[in-house]
Amino acid sequence: INTPMGRYGKDDDSYIRMMAIQYKIPYITTMAAAKAAVDGIKEVAGGEEKPMALQEYHHKSLKEKEPAGKLAASAGLV
């Protein structure tokens, strides 16, 4: 998790991002994304829910004729 700030943040950010990509390490730049990642990891580790791609939520919303945002909210994603 890298939330760059200040004068040297841009240089550090570029280097950290490049290394994360090179070594295939997840790279998160906001606290909101970090919280979402932690929540997702907890959910998967608990074995309660099967992860779904955003496209799956969209497809499901089309089948149920319900807005995708409403489905995501009911699934606790927003």
N, C-alpha and C. Protein backbone atom coordinates (compact mmCIF):
# COMPACT_ATOMS: atom_id res chain seq x y z
N ILE A 1 0.87 -1.17 0.00
CA ILE A 1 0.00 0.00 0.00
C ILE A 1 0.91 1.22 0.00
N ASN A 2 0.74 2.07 -0.97
CA ASN A 2 1.55 3.27 -1.08
C ASN A 2 0.63 4.46 -1.36
N THR A 3 0.60 5.40 -0.45
CA THR A 3 -0.18 6.63 -0.63
C THR A 3 0.81 7.79 -0.70
N PRO A 4 1.32 8.08 -1.90
CA PRO A 4 2.38 9.08 -2.04
C PRO A 4 1.94 10.48 -1.63
N MET A 5 2.85 11.16 -0.93
CA MET A 5 2.61 12.54 -0.50
C MET A 5 3.93 13.30 -0.59
N GLY A 6 3.81 14.57 -0.63
CA GLY A 6 4.98 15.42 -0.52
C GLY A 6 5.84 15.49 -1.77
N ARG A 7 6.94 16.17 -1.59
CA ARG A 7 7.85 16.51 -2.68
C ARG A 7 8.45 15.29 -3.37
N TYR A 8 8.84 14.31 -2.61
CA TYR A 8 9.52 13.14 -3.18
C TYR A 8 8.56 11.98 -3.47
N GLY A 9 7.31 12.17 -3.16
CA GLY A 9 6.35 11.10 -3.35
C GLY A 9 6.24 10.59 -4.78
N LYS A 10 6.31 11.49 -5.75
CA LYS A 10 6.16 11.10 -7.15
C LYS A 10 7.29 10.16 -7.58
N ASP A 11 8.53 10.49 -7.21
CA ASP A 11 9.66 9.64 -7.58
C ASP A 11 9.56 8.28 -6.89
N ASP A 12 9.28 8.31 -5.60
CA ASP A 12 9.14 7.06 -4.84
C ASP A 12 8.01 6.22 -5.41
N ASP A 13 6.89 6.88 -5.72
CA ASP A 13 5.71 6.19 -6.25
C ASP A 13 6.06 5.46 -7.54
N SER A 14 6.76 6.11 -8.44
CA SER A 14 7.12 5.49 -9.72
C SER A 14 7.99 4.26 -9.51
N TYR A 15 8.97 4.37 -8.62
CA TYR A 15 9.87 3.25 -8.35
C TYR A 15 9.12 2.08 -7.71
N ILE A 16 8.30 2.38 -6.71
CA ILE A 16 7.55 1.32 -6.01
C ILE A 16 6.59 0.63 -6.97
N ARG A 17 5.89 1.42 -7.79
CA ARG A 17 4.95 0.84 -8.75
C ARG A 17 5.68 -0.07 -9.74
N MET A 18 6.83 0.39 -10.26
CA MET A 18 7.60 -0.40 -11.21
C MET A 18 8.04 -1.73 -10.58
N MET A 19 8.50 -1.70 -9.36
CA MET A 19 8.95 -2.93 -8.69
C MET A 19 7.76 -3.86 -8.40
N ALA A 20 6.64 -3.29 -8.00
CA ALA A 20 5.45 -4.10 -7.73
C ALA A 20 5.01 -4.84 -9.00
N ILE A 21 5.03 -4.14 -10.11
CA ILE A 21 4.65 -4.76 -11.38
C ILE A 21 5.66 -5.84 -11.76
N GLN A 22 6.93 -5.52 -11.64
CA GLN A 22 7.98 -6.46 -12.02
C GLN A 22 7.90 -7.75 -11.21
N TYR A 23 7.61 -7.64 -9.92
CA TYR A 23 7.56 -8.81 -9.05
C TYR A 23 6.15 -9.35 -8.82
N LYS A 24 5.19 -8.82 -9.59
CA LYS A 24 3.80 -9.27 -9.53
C LYS A 24 3.23 -9.19 -8.11
N ILE A 25 3.45 -8.05 -7.48
CA ILE A 25 2.96 -7.78 -6.13
C ILE A 25 1.78 -6.82 -6.24
N PRO A 26 0.66 -7.10 -5.61
CA PRO A 26 -0.46 -6.15 -5.66
C PRO A 26 -0.02 -4.77 -5.17
N TYR A 27 -0.52 -3.74 -5.84
CA TYR A 27 -0.12 -2.37 -5.56
C TYR A 27 -1.38 -1.53 -5.36
N ILE A 28 -1.52 -0.94 -4.21
CA ILE A 28 -2.72 -0.17 -3.85
C ILE A 28 -2.29 1.24 -3.50
N THR A 29 -3.03 2.24 -4.03
CA THR A 29 -2.62 3.63 -3.84
C THR A 29 -3.57 4.48 -3.01
N THR A 30 -4.68 3.91 -2.56
CA THR A 30 -5.60 4.69 -1.72
C THR A 30 -6.00 3.86 -0.51
N MET A 31 -6.38 4.54 0.54
CA MET A 31 -6.82 3.83 1.75
C MET A 31 -8.16 3.13 1.50
N ALA A 32 -9.00 3.73 0.67
CA ALA A 32 -10.29 3.08 0.35
C ALA A 32 -10.06 1.75 -0.36
N ALA A 33 -9.12 1.74 -1.30
CA ALA A 33 -8.80 0.50 -2.01
C ALA A 33 -8.16 -0.52 -1.07
N ALA A 34 -7.34 -0.04 -0.14
CA ALA A 34 -6.71 -0.94 0.83
C ALA A 34 -7.78 -1.59 1.71
N LYS A 35 -8.75 -0.79 2.15
CA LYS A 35 -9.83 -1.35 2.99
C LYS A 35 -10.63 -2.37 2.20
N ALA A 36 -10.92 -2.07 0.94
CA ALA A 36 -11.67 -3.01 0.11
C ALA A 36 -10.88 -4.31 -0.07
N ALA A 37 -9.57 -4.21 -0.26
CA ALA A 37 -8.74 -5.40 -0.42
C ALA A 37 -8.75 -6.24 0.86
N VAL A 38 -8.61 -5.58 2.01
CA VAL A 38 -8.62 -6.29 3.29
C VAL A 38 -9.97 -6.97 3.51
N ASP A 39 -11.05 -6.24 3.23
CA ASP A 39 -12.39 -6.83 3.38
C ASP A 39 -12.56 -8.04 2.47
N GLY A 40 -12.07 -7.95 1.24
CA GLY A 40 -12.16 -9.07 0.31
C GLY A 40 -11.35 -10.26 0.77
N ILE A 41 -10.15 -10.01 1.27
CA ILE A 41 -9.31 -11.10 1.77
C ILE A 41 -9.98 -11.78 2.96
N LYS A 42 -10.55 -11.00 3.87
CA LYS A 42 -11.26 -11.58 5.02
C LYS A 42 -12.43 -12.45 4.56
N GLU A 43 -13.16 -11.95 3.59
CA GLU A 43 -14.33 -12.68 3.08
C GLU A 43 -13.92 -14.02 2.46
N VAL A 44 -12.89 -13.99 1.65
CA VAL A 44 -12.42 -15.22 1.00
C VAL A 44 -11.85 -16.18 2.04
N ALA A 45 -11.08 -15.65 2.99
CA ALA A 45 -10.48 -16.49 4.02
C ALA A 45 -11.55 -17.16 4.89
N GLY A 46 -12.67 -16.46 5.08
CA GLY A 46 -13.76 -17.01 5.87
C GLY A 46 -14.55 -18.06 5.13
N GLY A 47 -14.36 -18.13 3.82
CA GLY A 47 -15.03 -19.13 3.01
C GLY A 47 -16.52 -18.93 2.86
N GLU A 48 -17.01 -17.74 3.21
CA GLU A 48 -18.45 -17.51 3.17
C GLU A 48 -18.97 -17.15 1.78
N GLU A 49 -18.18 -16.42 1.01
CA GLU A 49 -18.63 -15.96 -0.30
C GLU A 49 -17.62 -16.36 -1.37
N LYS A 50 -18.13 -16.64 -2.55
CA LYS A 50 -17.27 -16.91 -3.69
C LYS A 50 -17.00 -15.57 -4.38
N PRO A 51 -15.74 -15.24 -4.65
CA PRO A 51 -15.44 -13.98 -5.34
C PRO A 51 -16.11 -13.94 -6.71
N MET A 52 -16.58 -12.77 -7.09
CA MET A 52 -17.20 -12.56 -8.40
C MET A 52 -16.55 -11.37 -9.08
N ALA A 53 -16.40 -11.44 -10.38
CA ALA A 53 -15.90 -10.31 -11.16
C ALA A 53 -17.02 -9.26 -11.26
N LEU A 54 -16.63 -8.02 -11.48
CA LEU A 54 -17.63 -6.96 -11.65
C LEU A 54 -18.58 -7.29 -12.80
N GLN A 55 -18.04 -7.91 -13.85
CA GLN A 55 -18.87 -8.28 -15.00
C GLN A 55 -19.96 -9.27 -14.60
N GLU A 56 -19.65 -10.15 -13.64
CA GLU A 56 -20.65 -11.10 -13.16
C GLU A 56 -21.79 -10.37 -12.45
N TYR A 57 -21.46 -9.36 -11.65
CA TYR A 57 -22.51 -8.57 -11.00
C TYR A 57 -23.37 -7.86 -12.04
N HIS A 58 -22.71 -7.32 -13.08
CA HIS A 58 -23.45 -6.63 -14.13
C HIS A 58 -24.38 -7.61 -14.86
N HIS A 59 -23.85 -8.77 -15.22
CA HIS A 59 -24.66 -9.78 -15.91
C HIS A 59 -25.85 -10.21 -15.04
N LYS A 60 -25.59 -10.40 -13.76
CA LYS A 60 -26.66 -10.79 -12.84
C LYS A 60 -27.72 -9.70 -12.76
N SER A 61 -27.29 -8.43 -12.76
CA SER A 61 -28.25 -7.33 -12.67
C SER A 61 -29.12 -7.27 -13.92
N LEU A 62 -28.54 -7.60 -15.08
CA LEU A 62 -29.33 -7.60 -16.32
C LEU A 62 -30.38 -8.70 -16.28
N LYS A 63 -30.00 -9.86 -15.75
CA LYS A 63 -30.95 -10.98 -15.67
C LYS A 63 -32.08 -10.66 -14.70
N GLU A 64 -31.76 -9.97 -13.62
CA GLU A 64 -32.76 -9.65 -12.60
C GLU A 64 -33.40 -8.29 -12.82
N LYS A 65 -32.96 -7.59 -13.87
CA LYS A 65 -33.46 -6.25 -14.19
C LYS A 65 -33.37 -5.31 -13.00
N GLU A 66 -32.24 -5.38 -12.32
CA GLU A 66 -31.99 -4.55 -11.16
C GLU A 66 -30.66 -3.84 -11.41
N PRO A 67 -30.54 -2.55 -11.05
CA PRO A 67 -29.28 -1.85 -11.27
C PRO A 67 -28.11 -2.57 -10.59
N ALA A 68 -26.97 -2.64 -11.30
CA ALA A 68 -25.78 -3.33 -10.78
C ALA A 68 -25.34 -2.73 -9.46
N GLY A 69 -25.45 -1.42 -9.30
CA GLY A 69 -25.05 -0.78 -8.04
C GLY A 69 -25.88 -1.27 -6.88
N LYS A 70 -27.15 -1.53 -7.12
CA LYS A 70 -28.03 -2.03 -6.07
C LYS A 70 -27.64 -3.44 -5.67
N LEU A 71 -27.25 -4.28 -6.65
CA LEU A 71 -26.79 -5.63 -6.34
C LEU A 71 -25.48 -5.59 -5.56
N ALA A 72 -24.59 -4.73 -5.98
CA ALA A 72 -23.31 -4.61 -5.27
C ALA A 72 -23.54 -4.17 -3.84
N ALA A 73 -24.47 -3.25 -3.64
CA ALA A 73 -24.77 -2.79 -2.29
C ALA A 73 -25.36 -3.92 -1.45
N SER A 74 -26.24 -4.71 -2.05
CA SER A 74 -26.84 -5.81 -1.30
C SER A 74 -25.81 -6.89 -0.98
N ALA A 75 -24.75 -6.96 -1.78
CA ALA A 75 -23.69 -7.94 -1.52
C ALA A 75 -22.64 -7.38 -0.56
N GLY A 76 -22.85 -6.13 -0.12
CA GLY A 76 -21.92 -5.52 0.81
C GLY A 76 -20.66 -4.97 0.17
N LEU A 77 -20.70 -4.72 -1.14
CA LEU A 77 -19.52 -4.24 -1.86
C LEU A 77 -19.40 -2.72 -1.87
N VAL A 78 -20.45 -2.03 -1.56
CA VAL A 78 -20.38 -0.56 -1.53
C VAL A 78 -20.92 -0.02 -0.23
